[in-house]
mmCIF file of all heavy atoms, coordinates in Angstrom:
data_MODEL
# 
_entry.id   MODEL 
# 
loop_
_atom_site.group_PDB 
_atom_site.id 
_atom_site.type_symbol 
_atom_site.label_atom_id 
_atom_site.label_alt_id 
_atom_site.label_comp_id 
_atom_site.label_asym_id 
_atom_site.label_entity_id 
_atom_site.label_seq_id 
_atom_site.pdbx_PDB_ins_code 
_atom_site.Cartn_x 
_atom_site.Cartn_y 
_atom_site.Cartn_z 
_atom_site.occupancy 
_atom_site.B_iso_or_equiv 
_atom_site.pdbx_formal_charge 
_atom_site.auth_seq_id 
_atom_site.auth_comp_id 
_atom_site.auth_asym_id 
_atom_site.auth_atom_id 
_atom_site.pdbx_PDB_model_num 
ATOM 1   N N   . GLN A 1 1  ? 0.837   -1.198 -0.005  1.00 0.00 ? 1  GLN A N   1 
ATOM 2   C CA  . GLN A 1 1  ? -0.003  -0.005 0.002   1.00 0.00 ? 1  GLN A CA  1 
ATOM 3   C C   . GLN A 1 1  ? 0.866   1.253  0.006   1.00 0.00 ? 1  GLN A C   1 
ATOM 4   O O   . GLN A 1 1  ? 0.557   2.227  -0.681  1.00 0.00 ? 1  GLN A O   1 
ATOM 5   C CB  . GLN A 1 1  ? -0.935  -0.009 1.217   1.00 0.00 ? 1  GLN A CB  1 
ATOM 6   C CG  . GLN A 1 1  ? -2.045  -1.038 1.156   1.00 0.00 ? 1  GLN A CG  1 
ATOM 7   C CD  . GLN A 1 1  ? -2.999  -0.906 2.310   1.00 0.00 ? 1  GLN A CD  1 
ATOM 8   O OE1 . GLN A 1 1  ? -3.384  0.192  2.693   1.00 0.00 ? 1  GLN A OE1 1 
ATOM 9   N NE2 . GLN A 1 1  ? -3.403  -2.030 2.883   1.00 0.00 ? 1  GLN A NE2 1 
ATOM 10  N N   . GLU A 1 2  ? 1.955   1.217  0.734   1.00 0.00 ? 2  GLU A N   1 
ATOM 11  C CA  . GLU A 1 2  ? 2.851   2.371  0.771   1.00 0.00 ? 2  GLU A CA  1 
ATOM 12  C C   . GLU A 1 2  ? 3.497   2.582  -0.586  1.00 0.00 ? 2  GLU A C   1 
ATOM 13  O O   . GLU A 1 2  ? 3.662   3.728  -1.029  1.00 0.00 ? 2  GLU A O   1 
ATOM 14  C CB  . GLU A 1 2  ? 3.939   2.139  1.842   1.00 0.00 ? 2  GLU A CB  1 
ATOM 15  C CG  . GLU A 1 2  ? 4.873   3.291  2.039   1.00 0.00 ? 2  GLU A CG  1 
ATOM 16  C CD  . GLU A 1 2  ? 4.191   4.557  2.570   1.00 0.00 ? 2  GLU A CD  1 
ATOM 17  O OE1 . GLU A 1 2  ? 3.145   4.436  3.221   1.00 0.00 ? 2  GLU A OE1 1 
ATOM 18  O OE2 . GLU A 1 2  ? 4.702   5.664  2.297   1.00 0.00 ? 2  GLU A OE2 1 
ATOM 19  N N   . VAL A 1 3  ? 3.866   1.498  -1.276  1.00 0.00 ? 3  VAL A N   1 
ATOM 20  C CA  . VAL A 1 3  ? 4.464   1.598  -2.604  1.00 0.00 ? 3  VAL A CA  1 
ATOM 21  C C   . VAL A 1 3  ? 3.497   2.296  -3.579  1.00 0.00 ? 3  VAL A C   1 
ATOM 22  O O   . VAL A 1 3  ? 3.894   3.134  -4.409  1.00 0.00 ? 3  VAL A O   1 
ATOM 23  C CB  . VAL A 1 3  ? 4.836   0.204  -3.135  1.00 0.00 ? 3  VAL A CB  1 
ATOM 24  C CG1 . VAL A 1 3  ? 5.214   0.272  -4.632  1.00 0.00 ? 3  VAL A CG1 1 
ATOM 25  C CG2 . VAL A 1 3  ? 5.993   -0.355 -2.343  1.00 0.00 ? 3  VAL A CG2 1 
ATOM 26  N N   . LEU A 1 4  ? 2.208   1.970  -3.486  1.00 0.00 ? 4  LEU A N   1 
ATOM 27  C CA  . LEU A 1 4  ? 1.208   2.502  -4.424  1.00 0.00 ? 4  LEU A CA  1 
ATOM 28  C C   . LEU A 1 4  ? 0.641   3.860  -4.020  1.00 0.00 ? 4  LEU A C   1 
ATOM 29  O O   . LEU A 1 4  ? -0.099  4.470  -4.797  1.00 0.00 ? 4  LEU A O   1 
ATOM 30  C CB  . LEU A 1 4  ? 0.054   1.501  -4.551  1.00 0.00 ? 4  LEU A CB  1 
ATOM 31  C CG  . LEU A 1 4  ? 0.363   0.166  -5.249  1.00 0.00 ? 4  LEU A CG  1 
ATOM 32  C CD1 . LEU A 1 4  ? -0.849  -0.743 -5.209  1.00 0.00 ? 4  LEU A CD1 1 
ATOM 33  C CD2 . LEU A 1 4  ? 0.814   0.389  -6.685  1.00 0.00 ? 4  LEU A CD2 1 
ATOM 34  N N   . SER A 1 5  ? 0.976   4.334  -2.847  1.00 0.00 ? 5  SER A N   1 
ATOM 35  C CA  . SER A 1 5  ? 0.406   5.586  -2.373  1.00 0.00 ? 5  SER A CA  1 
ATOM 36  C C   . SER A 1 5  ? 0.708   6.739  -3.341  1.00 0.00 ? 5  SER A C   1 
ATOM 37  O O   . SER A 1 5  ? 1.864   6.974  -3.698  1.00 0.00 ? 5  SER A O   1 
ATOM 38  C CB  . SER A 1 5  ? 0.964   5.929  -0.994  1.00 0.00 ? 5  SER A CB  1 
ATOM 39  O OG  . SER A 1 5  ? 0.413   7.138  -0.507  1.00 0.00 ? 5  SER A OG  1 
ATOM 40  N N   . GLY A 1 6  ? -0.337  7.437  -3.770  1.00 0.00 ? 6  GLY A N   1 
ATOM 41  C CA  . GLY A 1 6  ? -0.185  8.582  -4.664  1.00 0.00 ? 6  GLY A CA  1 
ATOM 42  C C   . GLY A 1 6  ? 0.009   8.232  -6.121  1.00 0.00 ? 6  GLY A C   1 
ATOM 43  O O   . GLY A 1 6  ? 0.143   9.125  -6.960  1.00 0.00 ? 6  GLY A O   1 
ATOM 44  N N   . LEU A 1 7  ? -0.038  6.940  -6.462  1.00 0.00 ? 7  LEU A N   1 
ATOM 45  C CA  . LEU A 1 7  ? 0.245   6.495  -7.830  1.00 0.00 ? 7  LEU A CA  1 
ATOM 46  C C   . LEU A 1 7  ? -1.000  5.944  -8.513  1.00 0.00 ? 7  LEU A C   1 
ATOM 47  O O   . LEU A 1 7  ? -1.883  5.382  -7.870  1.00 0.00 ? 7  LEU A O   1 
ATOM 48  C CB  . LEU A 1 7  ? 1.288   5.368  -7.830  1.00 0.00 ? 7  LEU A CB  1 
ATOM 49  C CG  . LEU A 1 7  ? 2.766   5.699  -7.696  1.00 0.00 ? 7  LEU A CG  1 
ATOM 50  C CD1 . LEU A 1 7  ? 3.558   4.407  -7.706  1.00 0.00 ? 7  LEU A CD1 1 
ATOM 51  C CD2 . LEU A 1 7  ? 3.232   6.611  -8.814  1.00 0.00 ? 7  LEU A CD2 1 
ATOM 52  N N   . ILE A 1 8  ? -1.021  6.076  -9.825  1.00 0.00 ? 8  ILE A N   1 
ATOM 53  C CA  . ILE A 1 8  ? -1.853  5.213  -10.654 1.00 0.00 ? 8  ILE A CA  1 
ATOM 54  C C   . ILE A 1 8  ? -0.905  4.510  -11.616 1.00 0.00 ? 8  ILE A C   1 
ATOM 55  O O   . ILE A 1 8  ? -0.011  5.155  -12.208 1.00 0.00 ? 8  ILE A O   1 
ATOM 56  C CB  . ILE A 1 8  ? -2.953  5.975  -11.405 1.00 0.00 ? 8  ILE A CB  1 
ATOM 57  C CG1 . ILE A 1 8  ? -3.817  4.980  -12.212 1.00 0.00 ? 8  ILE A CG1 1 
ATOM 58  C CG2 . ILE A 1 8  ? -2.404  7.088  -12.297 1.00 0.00 ? 8  ILE A CG2 1 
ATOM 59  C CD1 . ILE A 1 8  ? -5.124  5.545  -12.704 1.00 0.00 ? 8  ILE A CD1 1 
ATOM 60  N N   . GLU A 1 9  ? -1.029  3.192  -11.710 1.00 0.00 ? 9  GLU A N   1 
ATOM 61  C CA  . GLU A 1 9  ? -0.132  2.421  -12.561 1.00 0.00 ? 9  GLU A CA  1 
ATOM 62  C C   . GLU A 1 9  ? -0.893  1.930  -13.798 1.00 0.00 ? 9  GLU A C   1 
ATOM 63  O O   . GLU A 1 9  ? -2.074  1.583  -13.709 1.00 0.00 ? 9  GLU A O   1 
ATOM 64  C CB  . GLU A 1 9  ? 0.416   1.203  -11.800 1.00 0.00 ? 9  GLU A CB  1 
ATOM 65  C CG  . GLU A 1 9  ? 1.287   1.569  -10.617 1.00 0.00 ? 9  GLU A CG  1 
ATOM 66  C CD  . GLU A 1 9  ? 1.923   0.351  -9.979  1.00 0.00 ? 9  GLU A CD  1 
ATOM 67  O OE1 . GLU A 1 9  ? 1.448   -0.785 -10.204 1.00 0.00 ? 9  GLU A OE1 1 
ATOM 68  O OE2 . GLU A 1 9  ? 2.922   0.526  -9.243  1.00 0.00 ? 9  GLU A OE2 1 
ATOM 69  N N   . LEU A 1 10 ? -0.171  1.884  -14.907 1.00 0.00 ? 10 LEU A N   1 
ATOM 70  C CA  . LEU A 1 10 ? -0.712  1.311  -16.153 1.00 0.00 ? 10 LEU A CA  1 
ATOM 71  C C   . LEU A 1 10 ? 0.239   0.227  -16.621 1.00 0.00 ? 10 LEU A C   1 
ATOM 72  O O   . LEU A 1 10 ? 1.420   0.504  -16.903 1.00 0.00 ? 10 LEU A O   1 
ATOM 73  C CB  . LEU A 1 10 ? -0.868  2.385  -17.224 1.00 0.00 ? 10 LEU A CB  1 
ATOM 74  C CG  . LEU A 1 10 ? -1.484  1.913  -18.543 1.00 0.00 ? 10 LEU A CG  1 
ATOM 75  C CD1 . LEU A 1 10 ? -2.932  1.490  -18.333 1.00 0.00 ? 10 LEU A CD1 1 
ATOM 76  C CD2 . LEU A 1 10 ? -1.417  3.004  -19.605 1.00 0.00 ? 10 LEU A CD2 1 
ATOM 77  N N   . HIS A 1 11 ? -0.263  -0.998 -16.674 1.00 0.00 ? 11 HIS A N   1 
ATOM 78  C CA  . HIS A 1 11 ? 0.537   -2.161 -17.080 1.00 0.00 ? 11 HIS A CA  1 
ATOM 79  C C   . HIS A 1 11 ? 0.048   -2.628 -18.458 1.00 0.00 ? 11 HIS A C   1 
ATOM 80  O O   . HIS A 1 11 ? -1.121  -2.992 -18.625 1.00 0.00 ? 11 HIS A O   1 
ATOM 81  C CB  . HIS A 1 11 ? 0.382   -3.291 -16.074 1.00 0.00 ? 11 HIS A CB  1 
ATOM 82  C CG  . HIS A 1 11 ? 0.796   -2.924 -14.681 1.00 0.00 ? 11 HIS A CG  1 
ATOM 83  N ND1 . HIS A 1 11 ? 2.061   -3.189 -14.192 1.00 0.00 ? 11 HIS A ND1 1 
ATOM 84  C CD2 . HIS A 1 11 ? 0.121   -2.287 -13.668 1.00 0.00 ? 11 HIS A CD2 1 
ATOM 85  C CE1 . HIS A 1 11 ? 2.146   -2.748 -12.941 1.00 0.00 ? 11 HIS A CE1 1 
ATOM 86  N NE2 . HIS A 1 11 ? 0.994   -2.217 -12.606 1.00 0.00 ? 11 HIS A NE2 1 
ATOM 87  N N   . CYS A 1 12 ? 0.929   -2.606 -19.434 1.00 0.00 ? 12 CYS A N   1 
ATOM 88  C CA  . CYS A 1 12 ? 0.574   -2.985 -20.810 1.00 0.00 ? 12 CYS A CA  1 
ATOM 89  C C   . CYS A 1 12 ? 0.936   -4.440 -21.061 1.00 0.00 ? 12 CYS A C   1 
ATOM 90  O O   . CYS A 1 12 ? 1.968   -4.937 -20.580 1.00 0.00 ? 12 CYS A O   1 
ATOM 91  C CB  . CYS A 1 12 ? 1.307   -2.095 -21.810 1.00 0.00 ? 12 CYS A CB  1 
ATOM 92  S SG  . CYS A 1 12 ? 1.004   -0.323 -21.603 1.00 0.00 ? 12 CYS A SG  1 
ATOM 93  N N   . PHE A 1 13 ? 0.116   -5.115 -21.852 1.00 0.00 ? 13 PHE A N   1 
ATOM 94  C CA  . PHE A 1 13 ? 0.396   -6.501 -22.226 1.00 0.00 ? 13 PHE A CA  1 
ATOM 95  C C   . PHE A 1 13 ? -0.232  -6.761 -23.587 1.00 0.00 ? 13 PHE A C   1 
ATOM 96  O O   . PHE A 1 13 ? -0.998  -5.928 -24.104 1.00 0.00 ? 13 PHE A O   1 
ATOM 97  C CB  . PHE A 1 13 ? -0.134  -7.478 -21.172 1.00 0.00 ? 13 PHE A CB  1 
ATOM 98  C CG  . PHE A 1 13 ? -1.604  -7.344 -20.896 1.00 0.00 ? 13 PHE A CG  1 
ATOM 99  C CD1 . PHE A 1 13 ? -2.544  -8.049 -21.648 1.00 0.00 ? 13 PHE A CD1 1 
ATOM 100 C CD2 . PHE A 1 13 ? -2.072  -6.521 -19.890 1.00 0.00 ? 13 PHE A CD2 1 
ATOM 101 C CE1 . PHE A 1 13 ? -3.905  -7.939 -21.407 1.00 0.00 ? 13 PHE A CE1 1 
ATOM 102 C CE2 . PHE A 1 13 ? -3.427  -6.406 -19.613 1.00 0.00 ? 13 PHE A CE2 1 
ATOM 103 C CZ  . PHE A 1 13 ? -4.343  -7.110 -20.387 1.00 0.00 ? 13 PHE A CZ  1 
ATOM 104 N N   . ALA A 1 14 ? 0.078   -7.880 -24.178 1.00 0.00 ? 14 ALA A N   1 
ATOM 105 C CA  . ALA A 1 14 ? -0.427  -8.201 -25.512 1.00 0.00 ? 14 ALA A CA  1 
ATOM 106 C C   . ALA A 1 14 ? -1.947  -8.299 -25.490 1.00 0.00 ? 14 ALA A C   1 
ATOM 107 O O   . ALA A 1 14 ? -2.516  -9.128 -24.809 1.00 0.00 ? 14 ALA A O   1 
ATOM 108 C CB  . ALA A 1 14 ? 0.182   -9.527 -26.001 1.00 0.00 ? 14 ALA A CB  1 
ATOM 109 N N   . GLY A 1 15 ? -2.576  -7.398 -26.223 1.00 0.00 ? 15 GLY A N   1 
ATOM 110 C CA  . GLY A 1 15 ? -4.030  -7.426 -26.331 1.00 0.00 ? 15 GLY A CA  1 
ATOM 111 C C   . GLY A 1 15 ? -4.767  -6.653 -25.275 1.00 0.00 ? 15 GLY A C   1 
ATOM 112 O O   . GLY A 1 15 ? -6.008  -6.721 -25.230 1.00 0.00 ? 15 GLY A O   1 
ATOM 113 N N   . GLY A 1 16 ? -4.072  -5.892 -24.458 1.00 0.00 ? 16 GLY A N   1 
ATOM 114 C CA  . GLY A 1 16 ? -4.801  -5.111 -23.439 1.00 0.00 ? 16 GLY A CA  1 
ATOM 115 C C   . GLY A 1 16 ? -3.902  -4.358 -22.492 1.00 0.00 ? 16 GLY A C   1 
ATOM 116 O O   . GLY A 1 16 ? -2.696  -4.186 -22.709 1.00 0.00 ? 16 GLY A O   1 
ATOM 117 N N   . TYR A 1 17 ? -4.483  -3.906 -21.404 1.00 0.00 ? 17 TYR A N   1 
ATOM 118 C CA  . TYR A 1 17 ? -3.770  -3.129 -20.417 1.00 0.00 ? 17 TYR A CA  1 
ATOM 119 C C   . TYR A 1 17 ? -4.548  -3.196 -19.097 1.00 0.00 ? 17 TYR A C   1 
ATOM 120 O O   . TYR A 1 17 ? -5.743  -3.535 -19.073 1.00 0.00 ? 17 TYR A O   1 
ATOM 121 C CB  . TYR A 1 17 ? -3.621  -1.666 -20.852 1.00 0.00 ? 17 TYR A CB  1 
ATOM 122 C CG  . TYR A 1 17 ? -4.934  -0.996 -21.182 1.00 0.00 ? 17 TYR A CG  1 
ATOM 123 C CD1 . TYR A 1 17 ? -5.712  -0.396 -20.207 1.00 0.00 ? 17 TYR A CD1 1 
ATOM 124 C CD2 . TYR A 1 17 ? -5.400  -0.998 -22.494 1.00 0.00 ? 17 TYR A CD2 1 
ATOM 125 C CE1 . TYR A 1 17 ? -6.934  0.181  -20.523 1.00 0.00 ? 17 TYR A CE1 1 
ATOM 126 C CE2 . TYR A 1 17 ? -6.622  -0.419 -22.813 1.00 0.00 ? 17 TYR A CE2 1 
ATOM 127 C CZ  . TYR A 1 17 ? -7.379  0.167  -21.830 1.00 0.00 ? 17 TYR A CZ  1 
ATOM 128 O OH  . TYR A 1 17 ? -8.587  0.742  -22.133 1.00 0.00 ? 17 TYR A OH  1 
ATOM 129 N N   . ALA A 1 18 ? -3.857  -2.900 -17.987 1.00 0.00 ? 18 ALA A N   1 
ATOM 130 C CA  . ALA A 1 18 ? -4.474  -2.940 -16.669 1.00 0.00 ? 18 ALA A CA  1 
ATOM 131 C C   . ALA A 1 18 ? -4.079  -1.691 -15.900 1.00 0.00 ? 18 ALA A C   1 
ATOM 132 O O   . ALA A 1 18 ? -2.914  -1.285 -15.926 1.00 0.00 ? 18 ALA A O   1 
ATOM 133 C CB  . ALA A 1 18 ? -4.047  -4.194 -15.908 1.00 0.00 ? 18 ALA A CB  1 
ATOM 134 N N   . GLY A 1 19 ? -5.047  -1.083 -15.221 1.00 0.00 ? 19 GLY A N   1 
ATOM 135 C CA  . GLY A 1 19 ? -4.779  0.063  -14.355 1.00 0.00 ? 19 GLY A CA  1 
ATOM 136 C C   . GLY A 1 19 ? -4.923  -0.349 -12.904 1.00 0.00 ? 19 GLY A C   1 
ATOM 137 O O   . GLY A 1 19 ? -5.789  -1.159 -12.554 1.00 0.00 ? 19 GLY A O   1 
ATOM 138 N N   . LEU A 1 20 ? -4.074  0.198  -12.046 1.00 0.00 ? 20 LEU A N   1 
ATOM 139 C CA  . LEU A 1 20 ? -4.056  -0.170 -10.628 1.00 0.00 ? 20 LEU A CA  1 
ATOM 140 C C   . LEU A 1 20 ? -3.859  1.070  -9.771  1.00 0.00 ? 20 LEU A C   1 
ATOM 141 O O   . LEU A 1 20 ? -2.931  1.846  -10.009 1.00 0.00 ? 20 LEU A O   1 
ATOM 142 C CB  . LEU A 1 20 ? -2.947  -1.183 -10.351 1.00 0.00 ? 20 LEU A CB  1 
ATOM 143 C CG  . LEU A 1 20 ? -2.821  -1.693 -8.924  1.00 0.00 ? 20 LEU A CG  1 
ATOM 144 C CD1 . LEU A 1 20 ? -4.013  -2.581 -8.564  1.00 0.00 ? 20 LEU A CD1 1 
ATOM 145 C CD2 . LEU A 1 20 ? -1.514  -2.462 -8.729  1.00 0.00 ? 20 LEU A CD2 1 
ATOM 146 N N   . THR A 1 21 ? -4.735  1.253  -8.773  1.00 0.00 ? 21 THR A N   1 
ATOM 147 C CA  . THR A 1 21 ? -4.584  2.366  -7.839  1.00 0.00 ? 21 THR A CA  1 
ATOM 148 C C   . THR A 1 21 ? -5.333  2.036  -6.556  1.00 0.00 ? 21 THR A C   1 
ATOM 149 O O   . THR A 1 21 ? -6.265  1.218  -6.544  1.00 0.00 ? 21 THR A O   1 
ATOM 150 C CB  . THR A 1 21 ? -5.104  3.677  -8.454  1.00 0.00 ? 21 THR A CB  1 
ATOM 151 O OG1 . THR A 1 21 ? -4.755  4.773  -7.618  1.00 0.00 ? 21 THR A OG1 1 
ATOM 152 C CG2 . THR A 1 21 ? -6.606  3.644  -8.633  1.00 0.00 ? 21 THR A CG2 1 
ATOM 153 N N   . LEU A 1 22 ? -4.919  2.656  -5.460  1.00 0.00 ? 22 LEU A N   1 
ATOM 154 C CA  . LEU A 1 22 ? -5.596  2.478  -4.173  1.00 0.00 ? 22 LEU A CA  1 
ATOM 155 C C   . LEU A 1 22 ? -6.862  3.316  -4.128  1.00 0.00 ? 22 LEU A C   1 
ATOM 156 O O   . LEU A 1 22 ? -6.914  4.411  -4.707  1.00 0.00 ? 22 LEU A O   1 
ATOM 157 C CB  . LEU A 1 22 ? -4.677  2.887  -3.026  1.00 0.00 ? 22 LEU A CB  1 
ATOM 158 C CG  . LEU A 1 22 ? -3.443  2.012  -2.762  1.00 0.00 ? 22 LEU A CG  1 
ATOM 159 C CD1 . LEU A 1 22 ? -2.615  2.649  -1.662  1.00 0.00 ? 22 LEU A CD1 1 
ATOM 160 C CD2 . LEU A 1 22 ? -3.839  0.595  -2.371  1.00 0.00 ? 22 LEU A CD2 1 
ATOM 161 N N   . GLN A 1 23 ? -7.876  2.820  -3.407  1.00 0.00 ? 23 GLN A N   1 
ATOM 162 C CA  . GLN A 1 23 ? -9.100  3.587  -3.221  1.00 0.00 ? 23 GLN A CA  1 
ATOM 163 C C   . GLN A 1 23 ? -9.322  3.882  -1.740  1.00 0.00 ? 23 GLN A C   1 
ATOM 164 O O   . GLN A 1 23 ? -8.498  3.565  -0.896  1.00 0.00 ? 23 GLN A O   1 
ATOM 165 C CB  . GLN A 1 23 ? -10.279 2.868  -3.869  1.00 0.00 ? 23 GLN A CB  1 
ATOM 166 C CG  . GLN A 1 23 ? -10.115 2.803  -5.379  1.00 0.00 ? 23 GLN A CG  1 
ATOM 167 C CD  . GLN A 1 23 ? -11.378 2.435  -6.127  1.00 0.00 ? 23 GLN A CD  1 
ATOM 168 O OE1 . GLN A 1 23 ? -12.069 1.509  -5.741  1.00 0.00 ? 23 GLN A OE1 1 
ATOM 169 N NE2 . GLN A 1 23 ? -11.652 3.149  -7.198  1.00 0.00 ? 23 GLN A NE2 1 
ATOM 170 N N   . GLU A 1 24 ? -10.474 4.506  -1.432  1.00 0.00 ? 24 GLU A N   1 
ATOM 171 C CA  . GLU A 1 24 ? -10.661 5.106  -0.120  1.00 0.00 ? 24 GLU A CA  1 
ATOM 172 C C   . GLU A 1 24 ? -10.637 4.106  1.028   1.00 0.00 ? 24 GLU A C   1 
ATOM 173 O O   . GLU A 1 24 ? -10.298 4.450  2.174   1.00 0.00 ? 24 GLU A O   1 
ATOM 174 C CB  . GLU A 1 24 ? -11.950 5.921  -0.094  1.00 0.00 ? 24 GLU A CB  1 
ATOM 175 C CG  . GLU A 1 24 ? -13.251 5.134  -0.075  1.00 0.00 ? 24 GLU A CG  1 
ATOM 176 C CD  . GLU A 1 24 ? -13.695 4.674  -1.441  1.00 0.00 ? 24 GLU A CD  1 
ATOM 177 O OE1 . GLU A 1 24 ? -12.979 4.921  -2.442  1.00 0.00 ? 24 GLU A OE1 1 
ATOM 178 O OE2 . GLU A 1 24 ? -14.762 4.045  -1.528  1.00 0.00 ? 24 GLU A OE2 1 
ATOM 179 N N   . ASP A 1 25 ? -10.984 2.858  0.751   1.00 0.00 ? 25 ASP A N   1 
ATOM 180 C CA  . ASP A 1 25 ? -11.034 1.858  1.834   1.00 0.00 ? 25 ASP A CA  1 
ATOM 181 C C   . ASP A 1 25 ? -9.713  1.114  1.995   1.00 0.00 ? 25 ASP A C   1 
ATOM 182 O O   . ASP A 1 25 ? -9.644  0.163  2.791   1.00 0.00 ? 25 ASP A O   1 
ATOM 183 C CB  . ASP A 1 25 ? -12.180 0.874  1.592   1.00 0.00 ? 25 ASP A CB  1 
ATOM 184 C CG  . ASP A 1 25 ? -12.015 0.098  0.297   1.00 0.00 ? 25 ASP A CG  1 
ATOM 185 O OD1 . ASP A 1 25 ? -11.035 0.312  -0.425  1.00 0.00 ? 25 ASP A OD1 1 
ATOM 186 O OD2 . ASP A 1 25 ? -12.902 -0.750 -0.003  1.00 0.00 ? 25 ASP A OD2 1 
ATOM 187 N N   . GLY A 1 26 ? -8.675  1.536  1.264   1.00 0.00 ? 26 GLY A N   1 
ATOM 188 C CA  . GLY A 1 26 ? -7.380  0.902  1.379   1.00 0.00 ? 26 GLY A CA  1 
ATOM 189 C C   . GLY A 1 26 ? -7.152  -0.244 0.424   1.00 0.00 ? 26 GLY A C   1 
ATOM 190 O O   . GLY A 1 26 ? -6.004  -0.708 0.264   1.00 0.00 ? 26 GLY A O   1 
ATOM 191 N N   . ARG A 1 27 ? -8.209  -0.748 -0.221  1.00 0.00 ? 27 ARG A N   1 
ATOM 192 C CA  . ARG A 1 27 ? -8.038  -1.797 -1.209  1.00 0.00 ? 27 ARG A CA  1 
ATOM 193 C C   . ARG A 1 27 ? -7.550  -1.196 -2.526  1.00 0.00 ? 27 ARG A C   1 
ATOM 194 O O   . ARG A 1 27 ? -7.761  -0.020 -2.813  1.00 0.00 ? 27 ARG A O   1 
ATOM 195 C CB  . ARG A 1 27 ? -9.340  -2.544 -1.444  1.00 0.00 ? 27 ARG A CB  1 
ATOM 196 C CG  . ARG A 1 27 ? -9.810  -3.377 -0.256  1.00 0.00 ? 27 ARG A CG  1 
ATOM 197 C CD  . ARG A 1 27 ? -11.099 -4.086 -0.563  1.00 0.00 ? 27 ARG A CD  1 
ATOM 198 N NE  . ARG A 1 27 ? -12.189 -3.129 -0.838  1.00 0.00 ? 27 ARG A NE  1 
ATOM 199 C CZ  . ARG A 1 27 ? -13.391 -3.487 -1.293  1.00 0.00 ? 27 ARG A CZ  1 
ATOM 200 N NH1 . ARG A 1 27 ? -13.643 -4.758 -1.538  1.00 0.00 ? 27 ARG A NH1 1 
ATOM 201 N NH2 . ARG A 1 27 ? -14.328 -2.581 -1.497  1.00 0.00 ? 27 ARG A NH2 1 
ATOM 202 N N   . ALA A 1 28 ? -6.878  -2.018 -3.311  1.00 0.00 ? 28 ALA A N   1 
ATOM 203 C CA  . ALA A 1 28 ? -6.429  -1.588 -4.636  1.00 0.00 ? 28 ALA A CA  1 
ATOM 204 C C   . ALA A 1 28 ? -7.482  -1.996 -5.662  1.00 0.00 ? 28 ALA A C   1 
ATOM 205 O O   . ALA A 1 28 ? -8.054  -3.094 -5.607  1.00 0.00 ? 28 ALA A O   1 
ATOM 206 C CB  . ALA A 1 28 ? -5.091  -2.209 -4.976  1.00 0.00 ? 28 ALA A CB  1 
ATOM 207 N N   . ASN A 1 29 ? -7.722  -1.105 -6.596  1.00 0.00 ? 29 ASN A N   1 
ATOM 208 C CA  . ASN A 1 29 ? -8.678  -1.340 -7.678  1.00 0.00 ? 29 ASN A CA  1 
ATOM 209 C C   . ASN A 1 29 ? -7.871  -1.713 -8.939  1.00 0.00 ? 29 ASN A C   1 
ATOM 210 O O   . ASN A 1 29 ? -7.110  -0.901 -9.454  1.00 0.00 ? 29 ASN A O   1 
ATOM 211 C CB  . ASN A 1 29 ? -9.497  -0.078 -7.926  1.00 0.00 ? 29 ASN A CB  1 
ATOM 212 C CG  . ASN A 1 29 ? -10.729 -0.353 -8.762  1.00 0.00 ? 29 ASN A CG  1 
ATOM 213 O OD1 . ASN A 1 29 ? -11.500 -1.245 -8.458  1.00 0.00 ? 29 ASN A OD1 1 
ATOM 214 N ND2 . ASN A 1 29 ? -10.931 0.438  -9.799  1.00 0.00 ? 29 ASN A ND2 1 
ATOM 215 N N   . LEU A 1 30 ? -8.021  -2.946 -9.376  1.00 0.00 ? 30 LEU A N   1 
ATOM 216 C CA  . LEU A 1 30 ? -7.340  -3.433 -10.578 1.00 0.00 ? 30 LEU A CA  1 
ATOM 217 C C   . LEU A 1 30 ? -8.364  -3.555 -11.689 1.00 0.00 ? 30 LEU A C   1 
ATOM 218 O O   . LEU A 1 30 ? -9.211  -4.458 -11.664 1.00 0.00 ? 30 LEU A O   1 
ATOM 219 C CB  . LEU A 1 30 ? -6.665  -4.778 -10.290 1.00 0.00 ? 30 LEU A CB  1 
ATOM 220 C CG  . LEU A 1 30 ? -5.977  -5.457 -11.500 1.00 0.00 ? 30 LEU A CG  1 
ATOM 221 C CD1 . LEU A 1 30 ? -4.852  -4.586 -12.052 1.00 0.00 ? 30 LEU A CD1 1 
ATOM 222 C CD2 . LEU A 1 30 ? -5.459  -6.845 -11.107 1.00 0.00 ? 30 LEU A CD2 1 
ATOM 223 N N   . CYS A 1 31 ? -8.303  -2.651 -12.661 1.00 0.00 ? 31 CYS A N   1 
ATOM 224 C CA  . CYS A 1 31 ? -9.213  -2.668 -13.801 1.00 0.00 ? 31 CYS A CA  1 
ATOM 225 C C   . CYS A 1 31 ? -8.443  -3.016 -15.054 1.00 0.00 ? 31 CYS A C   1 
ATOM 226 O O   . CYS A 1 31 ? -7.377  -2.447 -15.329 1.00 0.00 ? 31 CYS A O   1 
ATOM 227 C CB  . CYS A 1 31 ? -9.887  -1.295 -13.976 1.00 0.00 ? 31 CYS A CB  1 
ATOM 228 S SG  . CYS A 1 31 ? -11.331 -1.088 -12.935 1.00 0.00 ? 31 CYS A SG  1 
ATOM 229 N N   . LEU A 1 32 ? -8.994  -3.909 -15.824 1.00 0.00 ? 32 LEU A N   1 
ATOM 230 C CA  . LEU A 1 32 ? -8.312  -4.429 -16.993 1.00 0.00 ? 32 LEU A CA  1 
ATOM 231 C C   . LEU A 1 32 ? -9.228  -4.363 -18.206 1.00 0.00 ? 32 LEU A C   1 
ATOM 232 O O   . LEU A 1 32 ? -10.427 -4.631 -18.098 1.00 0.00 ? 32 LEU A O   1 
ATOM 233 C CB  . LEU A 1 32 ? -7.900  -5.885 -16.700 1.00 0.00 ? 32 LEU A CB  1 
ATOM 234 C CG  . LEU A 1 32 ? -7.189  -6.718 -17.740 1.00 0.00 ? 32 LEU A CG  1 
ATOM 235 C CD1 . LEU A 1 32 ? -6.306  -7.753 -17.024 1.00 0.00 ? 32 LEU A CD1 1 
ATOM 236 C CD2 . LEU A 1 32 ? -8.175  -7.458 -18.620 1.00 0.00 ? 32 LEU A CD2 1 
# 
């Protein structure tokens, strides 16, 4: 959680991409 604090990440892969960021309850939201 500390690593991801203040960040939005975009991970690219063959045929798509995934976004990752922390939300208000402390869980990370991984959308692909």
